[in-house]
Amino acid sequence: MALVFIPSLMRNVTDGKDRVEIEGKTLREVVDNLEKAYPGMKPLLVSAGEIQEGVALAVDGEPSEVGLMMEVGERSEVQILPAIAGG
């Protein structure tokens, strides 16, 4: 199972957990399984079948350049990176 790191702004959906183990061979499967385990997570990450604007997903430190099709290994780490606003 992949280890998914949850940013602090999304931990209310995961009951305060900062990381969770989720199955999936692609980011799409990981996101779908996150939604099954923690309802309300998918809308924070995906819109119209694409990674939500203002959010990046990375696997083993590599940002996804192929969207939700990026492969996820059995022991991969998935990072959810919300955009940082400021000015």
C-alpha atoms as a PDB file:
ATOM      1  CA  MET A   1       0.000   0.000   0.000  1.00  0.00           C
ATOM      2  CA  ALA A   2       1.098   3.543  -0.703  1.00  0.00           C
ATOM      3  CA  LEU A   3       1.679   5.942   2.147  1.00  0.00           C
ATOM      4  CA  VAL A   4      -0.266   9.156   1.501  1.00  0.00           C
ATOM      5  CA  PHE A   5       0.802  12.307   3.331  1.00  0.00           C
ATOM      6  CA  ILE A   6      -2.153  14.525   4.223  1.00  0.00           C
ATOM      7  CA  PRO A   7      -1.591  18.295   4.473  1.00  0.00           C
ATOM      8  CA  SER A   8      -2.842  19.987   7.634  1.00  0.00           C
ATOM      9  CA  LEU A   9      -5.698  21.784   5.844  1.00  0.00           C
ATOM     10  CA  MET A  10      -7.202  18.430   4.780  1.00  0.00           C
ATOM     11  CA  ARG A  11      -6.775  16.475   8.012  1.00  0.00           C
ATOM     12  CA  ASN A  12     -10.314  17.244   9.149  1.00  0.00           C
ATOM     13  CA  VAL A  13     -11.411  14.694   6.503  1.00  0.00           C
ATOM     14  CA  THR A  14      -8.984  12.014   7.774  1.00  0.00           C
ATOM     15  CA  ASP A  15      -9.886  12.424  11.458  1.00  0.00           C
ATOM     16  CA  GLY A  16      -6.656  14.323  12.075  1.00  0.00           C
ATOM     17  CA  LYS A  17      -4.353  11.714  10.527  1.00  0.00           C
ATOM     18  CA  ASP A  18      -1.289  13.189   8.823  1.00  0.00           C
ATOM     19  CA  ARG A  19      -0.630  10.043   6.789  1.00  0.00           C
ATOM     20  CA  VAL A  20      -2.695   7.064   5.712  1.00  0.00           C
ATOM     21  CA  GLU A  21      -2.008   3.842   3.828  1.00  0.00           C
ATOM     22  CA  ILE A  22      -4.098   3.452   0.681  1.00  0.00           C
ATOM     23  CA  GLU A  23      -4.062   0.895  -2.127  1.00  0.00           C
ATOM     24  CA  GLY A  24      -3.791   1.882  -5.776  1.00  0.00           C
ATOM     25  CA  LYS A  25      -1.579   1.386  -8.815  1.00  0.00           C
ATOM     26  CA  THR A  26      -2.239   4.875 -10.209  1.00  0.00           C
ATOM     27  CA  LEU A  27      -2.998   8.224  -8.619  1.00  0.00           C
ATOM     28  CA  ARG A  28      -6.586   7.837  -9.846  1.00  0.00           C
ATOM     29  CA  GLU A  29      -6.964   4.575  -7.909  1.00  0.00           C
ATOM     30  CA  VAL A  30      -5.326   6.092  -4.826  1.00  0.00           C
ATOM     31  CA  VAL A  31      -7.696   9.086  -4.935  1.00  0.00           C
ATOM     32  CA  ASP A  32     -10.734   6.824  -5.448  1.00  0.00           C
ATOM     33  CA  ASN A  33      -9.677   4.624  -2.525  1.00  0.00           C
ATOM     34  CA  LEU A  34      -9.004   7.694  -0.382  1.00  0.00           C
ATOM     35  CA  GLU A  35     -12.583   8.768  -1.060  1.00  0.00           C
ATOM     36  CA  LYS A  36     -13.895   5.337  -0.020  1.00  0.00           C
ATOM     37  CA  ALA A  37     -11.924   5.430   3.232  1.00  0.00           C
ATOM     38  CA  TYR A  38     -12.404   9.156   3.917  1.00  0.00           C
ATOM     39  CA  PRO A  39     -15.530  10.537   2.218  1.00  0.00           C
ATOM     40  CA  GLY A  40     -15.072  14.133   1.143  1.00  0.00           C
ATOM     41  CA  MET A  41     -11.397  13.818   0.197  1.00  0.00           C
ATOM     42  CA  LYS A  42     -11.843  13.392  -3.569  1.00  0.00           C
ATOM     43  CA  PRO A  43     -13.540  16.775  -4.190  1.00  0.00           C
ATOM     44  CA  LEU A  44     -10.552  18.432  -2.515  1.00  0.00           C
ATOM     45  CA  LEU A  45      -8.190  16.748  -4.983  1.00  0.00           C
ATOM     46  CA  VAL A  46     -10.069  16.239  -8.250  1.00  0.00           C
ATOM     47  CA  SER A  47     -12.424  18.283 -10.406  1.00  0.00           C
ATOM     48  CA  ALA A  48     -13.916  17.086 -13.696  1.00  0.00           C
ATOM     49  CA  GLY A  49     -11.585  14.076 -13.714  1.00  0.00           C
ATOM     50  CA  GLU A  50      -8.420  16.156 -13.385  1.00  0.00           C
ATOM     51  CA  ILE A  51      -6.220  17.159 -10.470  1.00  0.00           C
ATOM     52  CA  GLN A  52      -7.818  20.196  -8.854  1.00  0.00           C
ATOM     53  CA  GLU A  53      -6.288  23.567  -9.723  1.00  0.00           C
ATOM     54  CA  GLY A  54      -4.224  24.714  -6.772  1.00  0.00           C
ATOM     55  CA  VAL A  55      -3.243  21.171  -5.778  1.00  0.00           C
ATOM     56  CA  ALA A  56      -0.288  19.072  -6.904  1.00  0.00           C
ATOM     57  CA  LEU A  57       0.187  15.363  -6.387  1.00  0.00           C
ATOM     58  CA  ALA A  58       3.640  13.802  -6.254  1.00  0.00           C
ATOM     59  CA  VAL A  59       4.786  10.199  -6.094  1.00  0.00           C
ATOM     60  CA  ASP A  60       8.093   9.518  -4.382  1.00  0.00           C
ATOM     61  CA  GLY A  61       8.960  13.204  -4.618  1.00  0.00           C
ATOM     62  CA  GLU A  62       8.215  13.493  -8.351  1.00  0.00           C
ATOM     63  CA  PRO A  63       5.319  15.805  -9.274  1.00  0.00           C
ATOM     64  CA  SER A  64       2.845  14.172 -11.634  1.00  0.00           C
ATOM     65  CA  GLU A  65       3.176  15.362 -15.199  1.00  0.00           C
ATOM     66  CA  VAL A  66       0.548  12.905 -16.455  1.00  0.00           C
ATOM     67  CA  GLY A  67      -2.183  13.778 -13.991  1.00  0.00           C
ATOM     68  CA  LEU A  68      -4.050  10.927 -12.359  1.00  0.00           C
ATOM     69  CA  MET A  69      -2.477   8.342 -14.676  1.00  0.00           C
ATOM     70  CA  MET A  70       0.862   8.447 -12.818  1.00  0.00           C
ATOM     71  CA  GLU A  71       1.852   5.027 -11.553  1.00  0.00           C
ATOM     72  CA  VAL A  72       2.097   4.368  -7.835  1.00  0.00           C
ATOM     73  CA  GLY A  73       4.299   1.564  -6.530  1.00  0.00           C
ATOM     74  CA  GLU A  74       3.432  -0.841  -3.727  1.00  0.00           C
ATOM     75  CA  ARG A  75       5.669   1.092  -1.294  1.00  0.00           C
ATOM     76  CA  SER A  76       5.415   4.557  -2.832  1.00  0.00           C
ATOM     77  CA  GLU A  77       4.892   7.748  -0.920  1.00  0.00           C
ATOM     78  CA  VAL A  78       2.211  10.086  -2.274  1.00  0.00           C
ATOM     79  CA  GLN A  79       2.363  13.732  -1.298  1.00  0.00           C
ATOM     80  CA  ILE A  80      -0.592  16.101  -1.581  1.00  0.00           C
ATOM     81  CA  LEU A  81       0.756  19.603  -2.099  1.00  0.00           C
ATOM     82  CA  PRO A  82      -1.755  22.445  -1.812  1.00  0.00           C
ATOM     83  CA  ALA A  83      -0.790  25.731  -3.431  1.00  0.00           C
ATOM     84  CA  ILE A  84       0.625  28.353  -1.132  1.00  0.00           C
ATOM     85  CA  ALA A  85      -0.999  31.735  -1.595  1.00  0.00           C
ATOM     86  CA  GLY A  86       0.555  34.975  -0.620  1.00  0.00           C
ATOM     87  CA  GLY A  87       1.813  38.166  -1.953  1.00  0.00           C
END
